[in-house]
């Protein structure tokens, strides 16, 4: 309860016990220089009227005149309970009475403010959340472009591959497109998701075993994407294949990867045509 509400509660109790009306109280207050109306007094209940020291002094003198009973400021806050103060703090009614009577008093502690409650932090968090789709779209573009600009073996496999159901589901889990998930598997493992899962699970493996291996690959890809976002381009094993006729040196390939990423950042590279051509068609096995 705020101070305004506490004061109005006291006024209500006086009206009930002494038979007073708001009009009587307002009229008496005007004798002391206030410009109160019944509406002003009732406004305290809605926190619309200020519980200033001046208003409390006027109220005490007005009630004193109307009831013939001597009153002091602390009488406005009888009983027990907390009174909320501006700024988030509070004080018990007992301590408030001490303060108004000129005695030493204690305030109740203000709960520590969590960092997440800070409006600036909340605004930054929201901005980050709003930027995630754009970030992951750029990551997806970068992965597909890197595969399409990689060694001929990687490029040919990527060009003729259509995402499988398992790749589509895995892509949804890590927040990138299905072609991008296929690309990062090819770049990281030299094979697509289903092939990598089958290799890890072994021949004649159970669906449960293949499912566990699929989840393991997805976790590794998720960590890889997180590393890319935080630390920039990484050297994929498939791009370091010294036997590739398209790859002369690791430094040359890294330069080409960096240039691809720069083009994406500038908006000079658009692979929408590739994504349209290789949309998920629903074919393929899902070992998960």
Protein backbone atom coordinates (compact mmCIF):
# COMPACT_ATOMS: atom_id res chain seq x y z
CA UNK A 1 0.00 0.00 0.00
CA UNK A 2 1.32 3.44 -0.92
CA UNK A 3 1.20 6.46 1.41
CA UNK A 4 -1.73 7.99 -0.50
CA UNK A 5 -3.77 4.81 -0.13
CA UNK A 6 -2.88 4.49 3.55
CA UNK A 7 -4.00 8.06 4.21
CA UNK A 8 -7.29 7.53 2.38
CA UNK A 9 -7.86 4.32 4.38
CA UNK A 10 -7.49 6.38 7.57
CA UNK A 11 -9.92 9.00 6.22
CA UNK A 12 -12.40 6.21 5.46
CA UNK A 13 -12.10 4.88 9.00
CA UNK A 14 -12.72 8.35 10.44
CA UNK A 15 -15.75 8.82 8.21
CA UNK A 16 -17.14 5.50 9.41
CA UNK A 17 -16.54 6.11 13.12
CA UNK A 18 -17.28 9.85 13.22
CA UNK A 19 -19.90 10.14 10.49
CA UNK A 20 -17.86 12.60 8.45
CA UNK A 21 -18.28 13.31 4.74
CA UNK A 22 -15.66 14.17 2.15
CA UNK A 23 -17.38 17.50 1.63
CA UNK A 24 -17.03 18.34 5.33
CA UNK A 25 -13.33 17.48 5.32
CA UNK A 26 -12.71 19.49 2.13
CA UNK A 27 -14.58 22.50 3.50
CA UNK A 28 -12.61 22.38 6.76
CA UNK A 29 -9.33 22.07 4.84
CA UNK A 30 -10.08 25.27 2.95
CA UNK A 31 -10.10 27.09 6.30
CA UNK A 32 -6.38 26.27 6.51
CA UNK A 33 -5.54 27.57 3.05
CA UNK A 34 -6.03 24.39 1.01
CA UNK A 35 -8.09 24.26 -2.18
CA UNK A 36 -9.42 20.77 -1.59
CA UNK A 37 -12.58 19.34 -3.09
CA UNK A 38 -14.23 15.99 -2.31
CA UNK A 39 -12.74 14.75 -5.57
CA UNK A 40 -9.25 15.74 -4.48
CA UNK A 41 -9.58 13.69 -1.29
CA UNK A 42 -10.96 10.63 -3.06
CA UNK A 43 -8.08 10.98 -5.52
CA UNK A 44 -5.72 9.81 -2.77
CA UNK A 45 -7.25 6.37 -3.10
CA UNK A 46 -6.15 6.28 -6.75
CA UNK A 47 -2.75 7.89 -6.08
CA UNK A 48 -4.01 10.86 -8.09
CA UNK A 49 -3.54 13.32 -5.21
CA UNK A 50 -0.16 13.86 -3.61
CA UNK A 51 0.47 12.79 -0.02
CA UNK A 52 2.73 15.78 0.54
CA UNK A 53 3.73 17.02 3.97
CA UNK A 54 1.51 20.07 3.45
CA UNK A 55 -1.52 17.93 2.65
CA UNK A 56 -0.90 15.65 5.63
CA UNK A 57 -0.64 18.67 7.95
CA UNK A 58 -3.87 20.13 6.57
CA UNK A 59 -5.65 16.78 6.91
CA UNK A 60 -4.59 16.32 10.53
CA UNK A 61 -5.76 19.83 11.49
CA UNK A 62 -9.04 19.41 9.58
CA UNK A 63 -9.86 16.07 11.24
CA UNK A 64 -8.81 17.47 14.59
CA UNK A 65 -11.25 20.37 14.17
CA UNK A 66 -14.09 18.13 12.99
CA UNK A 67 -13.69 15.46 15.68
CA UNK A 68 -12.44 17.55 18.58
CA UNK A 69 -9.74 14.92 19.11
CA UNK A 70 -6.05 15.94 19.22
CA UNK A 71 -4.12 14.28 16.40
CA UNK A 72 -0.51 14.01 15.30
CA UNK A 73 0.92 13.01 11.93
CA UNK A 74 1.73 9.48 13.06
CA UNK A 75 -1.98 8.87 13.76
CA UNK A 76 -2.53 8.74 9.99
CA UNK A 77 -0.75 5.37 9.86
CA UNK A 78 -2.18 3.06 12.53
CA UNK A 79 -1.74 -0.69 12.69
CA UNK A 80 0.83 -2.93 11.05
CA UNK A 81 2.01 -3.53 7.50
CA UNK A 82 4.32 -2.00 4.94
CA UNK A 83 4.05 1.34 3.21
CA UNK A 84 5.62 1.57 -0.24
CA UNK A 85 7.86 4.54 -0.94
CA UNK A 86 8.98 6.13 -4.18
CA UNK A 87 12.04 4.45 -5.70
CA UNK A 88 11.03 0.92 -4.78
CA UNK A 89 11.74 1.09 -1.05
CA UNK A 90 9.27 0.61 1.77
CA UNK A 91 8.83 1.22 5.48
CA UNK A 92 6.77 -0.49 8.13
CA UNK A 93 3.93 1.49 9.67
CA UNK A 94 5.65 1.26 13.04
CA UNK A 95 8.88 2.75 11.68
CA UNK A 96 6.94 5.42 9.78
CA UNK A 97 5.24 6.47 13.00
CA UNK A 98 8.67 6.69 14.64
CA UNK A 99 9.91 8.92 11.83
CA UNK A 100 6.89 11.23 12.01
CA UNK A 101 7.30 11.47 15.78
CA UNK A 102 10.91 12.58 15.39
CA UNK A 103 12.51 9.30 16.47
CA UNK A 104 15.15 7.10 14.88
CA UNK A 105 13.67 4.80 12.24
CA UNK A 106 14.65 2.06 9.79
CA UNK A 107 13.71 1.57 6.17
CA UNK A 108 13.07 -1.86 4.74
CA UNK A 109 15.78 -2.96 2.34
CA UNK A 110 15.29 -2.51 -1.39
CA UNK A 111 15.51 -5.88 -3.18
CA UNK A 112 18.70 -6.04 -5.27
CA UNK A 113 18.01 -5.21 -8.87
CA UNK A 114 18.81 -8.00 -11.29
CA UNK A 115 20.87 -7.07 -14.31
CA UNK A 116 18.13 -8.48 -16.52
CA UNK A 117 15.69 -5.94 -15.04
CA UNK A 118 17.78 -3.01 -16.30
CA UNK A 119 15.87 -1.32 -19.17
CA UNK A 120 19.11 -0.86 -21.10
CA UNK A 121 19.96 -4.57 -20.78
CA UNK A 122 16.41 -5.50 -21.77
CA UNK A 123 16.66 -3.26 -24.83
CA UNK A 124 20.00 -4.80 -25.82
CA UNK A 125 18.65 -8.32 -25.33
CA UNK A 126 15.64 -7.53 -27.49
CA UNK A 127 17.86 -6.05 -30.19
CA UNK A 128 19.97 -9.20 -30.10
CA UNK A 129 16.89 -11.42 -30.38
CA UNK A 130 15.63 -9.36 -33.31
CA UNK A 131 18.98 -9.70 -35.07
CA UNK A 132 19.22 -13.49 -34.75
CA UNK A 133 17.22 -14.34 -37.90
CA UNK A 134 19.42 -12.02 -39.98
CA UNK A 135 22.60 -13.42 -38.43
CA UNK A 136 21.59 -17.01 -39.12
CA UNK A 137 20.55 -16.10 -42.66
CA UNK A 138 24.05 -14.70 -43.27
CA UNK A 139 25.61 -17.82 -41.76
CA UNK A 140 23.47 -19.98 -44.04
CA UNK A 141 24.51 -17.97 -47.10
CA UNK A 142 28.15 -18.15 -46.09
CA UNK A 143 28.11 -21.94 -45.64
CA UNK A 144 26.43 -22.68 -48.97
CA UNK A 145 28.64 -20.19 -50.82
CA UNK A 146 31.77 -21.66 -49.24
CA UNK A 147 30.80 -25.16 -50.39
CA UNK A 148 29.92 -23.98 -53.90
CA UNK A 149 33.26 -22.16 -54.15
CA UNK A 150 35.26 -25.03 -52.67
CA UNK A 151 37.24 -27.82 -54.33
CA UNK A 152 35.60 -29.49 -57.32
CA UNK A 153 34.62 -32.61 -55.36
CA UNK A 154 32.85 -30.56 -52.71
CA UNK A 155 31.30 -28.25 -55.30
CA UNK A 156 29.99 -31.12 -57.43
CA UNK A 157 28.48 -32.99 -54.47
CA UNK A 158 26.83 -29.83 -53.18
CA UNK A 159 25.45 -28.90 -56.59
CA UNK A 160 23.74 -32.26 -57.07
CA UNK A 161 22.48 -32.71 -53.49
CA UNK A 162 18.94 -32.11 -52.26
CA UNK A 163 18.46 -31.85 -48.47
CA UNK A 164 16.99 -34.93 -46.80
CA UNK A 165 14.33 -35.04 -44.13
CA UNK A 166 16.96 -35.54 -41.42
CA UNK A 167 18.92 -32.53 -42.69
CA UNK A 168 15.78 -30.40 -42.69
CA UNK A 169 15.01 -31.36 -39.09
CA UNK A 170 18.60 -30.83 -38.01
CA UNK A 171 18.67 -27.43 -39.71
CA UNK A 172 15.56 -26.37 -37.80
CA UNK A 173 17.25 -27.30 -34.52
CA UNK A 174 20.37 -25.17 -35.11
CA UNK A 175 18.60 -22.28 -36.84
CA UNK A 176 20.04 -22.43 -40.37
CA UNK A 177 18.62 -23.50 -43.73
CA UNK A 178 18.61 -27.14 -44.84
CA UNK A 179 21.07 -26.49 -47.73
CA UNK A 180 23.36 -24.74 -45.23
CA UNK A 181 23.26 -27.72 -42.88
CA UNK A 182 24.09 -30.03 -45.77
CA UNK A 183 26.96 -27.71 -46.70
CA UNK A 184 28.49 -27.53 -43.23
CA UNK A 185 28.35 -31.33 -42.89
CA UNK A 186 30.11 -31.69 -46.23
CA UNK A 187 32.72 -29.09 -45.31
CA UNK A 188 33.34 -30.49 -41.84
CA UNK A 189 33.12 -34.25 -42.44
CA UNK A 190 33.49 -34.61 -46.19
CA UNK A 191 30.05 -36.23 -46.36
CA UNK A 192 26.41 -35.32 -45.74
CA UNK A 193 24.51 -35.93 -42.49
CA UNK A 194 23.00 -39.31 -43.35
CA UNK A 195 26.33 -40.63 -44.58
CA UNK A 196 28.22 -39.35 -41.54
CA UNK A 197 25.63 -40.82 -39.20
CA UNK A 198 25.78 -44.20 -40.95
CA UNK A 199 29.59 -44.19 -40.78
CA UNK A 200 29.54 -43.52 -37.03
CA UNK A 201 26.76 -45.96 -36.22
CA UNK A 202 28.24 -48.79 -38.28
CA UNK A 203 26.59 -51.43 -40.42
CA UNK A 204 23.35 -53.06 -39.25
CA UNK A 205 23.02 -50.51 -36.44
CA UNK A 206 19.71 -50.02 -34.68
CA UNK A 207 17.52 -46.95 -35.21
CA UNK A 208 18.34 -45.93 -31.64
CA UNK A 209 22.06 -46.06 -32.35
CA UNK A 210 21.67 -44.01 -35.54
CA UNK A 211 19.51 -41.54 -33.65
CA UNK A 212 22.18 -41.04 -31.00
CA UNK A 213 24.84 -40.52 -33.64
CA UNK A 214 22.62 -38.03 -35.47
CA UNK A 215 22.17 -36.02 -32.29
CA UNK A 216 25.92 -36.10 -31.75
CA UNK A 217 26.55 -34.65 -35.21
CA UNK A 218 23.92 -31.95 -34.65
CA UNK A 219 25.57 -30.93 -31.37
CA UNK A 220 28.96 -30.68 -33.09
CA UNK A 221 27.49 -28.58 -35.90
CA UNK A 222 25.76 -26.33 -33.39
CA UNK A 223 29.07 -25.69 -31.62
CA UNK A 224 30.76 -25.07 -34.96
CA UNK A 225 28.15 -22.46 -35.91
CA UNK A 226 28.51 -20.80 -32.51
CA UNK A 227 32.27 -20.59 -33.06
CA UNK A 228 31.75 -19.03 -36.51
CA UNK A 229 29.41 -16.37 -35.15
CA UNK A 230 31.70 -15.44 -32.25
CA UNK A 231 35.15 -15.92 -33.79
CA UNK A 232 34.68 -15.67 -37.56
CA UNK A 233 35.45 -18.09 -40.43
CA UNK A 234 37.07 -21.40 -39.58
CA UNK A 235 39.26 -23.73 -41.60
CA UNK A 236 37.00 -26.60 -42.66
CA UNK A 237 38.82 -29.91 -43.20
CA UNK A 238 37.30 -30.32 -46.66
CA UNK A 239 38.91 -27.04 -47.75
CA UNK A 240 42.33 -28.24 -46.65
CA UNK A 241 42.40 -31.26 -48.98
CA UNK A 242 45.83 -31.03 -50.58
CA UNK A 243 44.83 -33.58 -53.24
CA UNK A 244 42.18 -31.29 -54.69
CA UNK A 245 43.07 -29.86 -58.10
CA UNK A 246 41.20 -26.67 -57.23
CA UNK A 247 43.08 -25.99 -54.02
CA UNK A 248 46.68 -24.80 -54.38
CA UNK A 249 47.48 -23.78 -50.82
CA UNK A 250 45.63 -23.49 -47.55
CA UNK A 251 46.32 -19.75 -47.46
CA UNK A 252 44.77 -19.28 -50.91
CA UNK A 253 41.63 -21.10 -49.83
CA UNK A 254 41.39 -19.19 -46.58
CA UNK A 255 41.66 -15.95 -48.56
CA UNK A 256 38.85 -17.10 -50.83
CA UNK A 257 36.68 -18.02 -47.83
CA UNK A 258 37.32 -14.64 -46.24
CA UNK A 259 36.44 -12.87 -49.47
CA UNK A 260 33.22 -14.88 -49.71
CA UNK A 261 32.26 -13.79 -46.21
CA UNK A 262 33.08 -10.18 -47.01
CA UNK A 263 30.87 -10.32 -50.11
CA UNK A 264 28.02 -11.64 -48.01
CA UNK A 265 28.47 -8.85 -45.49
CA UNK A 266 28.45 -6.25 -48.28
CA UNK A 267 25.44 -7.88 -49.91
CA UNK A 268 27.39 -8.48 -53.15
CA UNK A 269 26.72 -12.23 -53.16
CA UNK A 270 23.25 -13.71 -53.55
CA UNK A 271 22.69 -17.46 -53.48
CA UNK A 272 18.90 -17.36 -53.43
CA UNK A 273 18.84 -19.04 -56.83
CA UNK A 274 20.76 -22.00 -55.42
CA UNK A 275 18.45 -22.28 -52.43
CA UNK A 276 15.37 -22.18 -54.69
CA UNK A 277 16.82 -24.90 -56.89
CA UNK A 278 17.72 -27.16 -53.96
CA UNK A 279 14.69 -26.76 -51.73
CA UNK A 280 13.85 -29.68 -49.44
CA UNK A 281 11.67 -32.11 -51.40
CA UNK A 282 10.76 -34.53 -48.62
CA UNK A 283 12.88 -37.42 -49.92
CA UNK A 284 15.53 -39.25 -47.96
CA UNK A 285 15.77 -41.34 -44.85
CA UNK A 286 15.71 -40.00 -41.34
CA UNK A 287 17.76 -42.12 -38.99
CA UNK A 288 16.81 -40.06 -35.96
